[in-house]
Protein backbone atom coordinates (compact mmCIF):
# COMPACT_ATOMS: atom_id res chain seq x y z
CA MET A 1 -22.03 41.02 -130.70
CA ASP A 2 -23.25 43.30 -133.44
CA THR A 3 -20.57 43.25 -136.14
CA LYS A 4 -21.39 46.81 -137.16
CA HIS A 5 -20.19 48.05 -133.78
CA GLU A 6 -17.24 45.77 -133.12
CA LYS A 7 -14.36 47.70 -131.64
CA LYS A 8 -10.82 47.12 -132.80
CA ILE A 9 -8.07 47.82 -130.32
CA LEU A 10 -4.97 49.36 -131.85
CA THR A 11 -1.54 47.94 -131.32
CA ILE A 12 1.48 50.09 -130.48
CA ASP A 13 2.79 49.53 -134.01
CA GLU A 14 -0.48 50.71 -135.56
CA ALA A 15 -0.52 53.81 -133.38
CA ALA A 16 3.09 54.57 -134.34
CA ALA A 17 2.19 54.17 -138.03
CA ILE A 18 -0.71 56.60 -137.64
CA LEU A 19 1.61 59.15 -136.00
CA SER A 20 4.18 58.69 -138.74
CA GLU A 21 1.57 59.08 -141.49
CA THR A 22 0.19 62.19 -139.81
CA LEU A 23 3.66 63.73 -139.59
CA GLU A 24 4.17 63.05 -143.31
CA GLU A 25 0.79 64.61 -144.08
CA VAL A 26 1.74 67.77 -142.18
CA ALA A 27 5.07 67.96 -144.00
CA GLU A 28 3.27 67.56 -147.34
CA ARG A 29 0.59 70.06 -146.23
CA LYS A 30 -2.13 67.44 -146.66
CA THR A 31 -3.38 67.98 -143.10
CA THR A 32 -3.32 70.74 -140.54
CA VAL A 33 -1.07 71.12 -137.54
CA ARG A 34 -4.24 71.34 -135.45
CA ARG A 35 -5.33 67.88 -136.62
CA ALA A 36 -1.83 66.50 -136.10
CA THR A 37 -1.81 67.89 -132.56
CA ALA A 38 -5.11 66.17 -131.85
CA VAL A 39 -3.76 62.87 -133.20
CA ALA A 40 -0.61 63.26 -131.08
CA ARG A 41 -2.67 63.89 -127.94
CA LEU A 42 -4.74 60.80 -128.61
CA ALA A 43 -1.58 58.78 -129.17
CA LEU A 44 -0.17 60.03 -125.85
CA ALA A 45 -3.34 59.01 -124.04
CA PHE A 46 -3.20 55.61 -125.75
CA ALA A 47 0.44 55.16 -124.70
CA LYS A 48 -0.49 55.89 -121.09
CA VAL A 49 -3.28 53.31 -121.19
CA VAL A 50 -0.90 50.72 -122.60
CA GLU A 51 1.70 51.54 -119.96
CA ILE A 52 -0.85 51.25 -117.14
CA SER A 53 -2.08 47.95 -118.56
CA GLN A 54 1.46 46.57 -118.68
CA LEU A 55 2.16 47.72 -115.13
CA LYS A 56 -1.06 46.11 -113.94
CA ALA A 57 -0.05 42.81 -115.53
CA ARG A 58 3.38 42.99 -113.85
CA VAL A 59 1.89 43.72 -110.44
CA GLU A 60 -0.55 40.82 -110.80
CA PHE A 61 2.32 38.53 -111.79
CA LEU A 62 4.37 39.59 -108.76
CA GLU A 63 1.38 39.17 -106.46
CA GLN A 64 0.92 35.60 -107.69
CA ILE A 65 4.59 34.82 -107.05
CA LEU A 66 4.36 36.25 -103.54
CA LYS A 67 1.22 34.20 -102.83
CA LYS A 68 3.05 31.03 -103.83
CA ARG A 69 5.90 31.81 -101.40
CA THR A 70 3.60 32.10 -98.40
């Protein structure tokens, strides 16, 4: 894989830190509310993806348990 285009996947903690930093920047007037709103929307979308991924893993786990019972 081309190292110039490697994609890093954020963790929940990193996303929370970005939100926290953005909130501080708004309070200190270092960034706009418009930018902060965009960051918050992206964080919400990210949270939904994480939630769906976790639910998928749980369903797959339960399906494997059910397969073993039959």
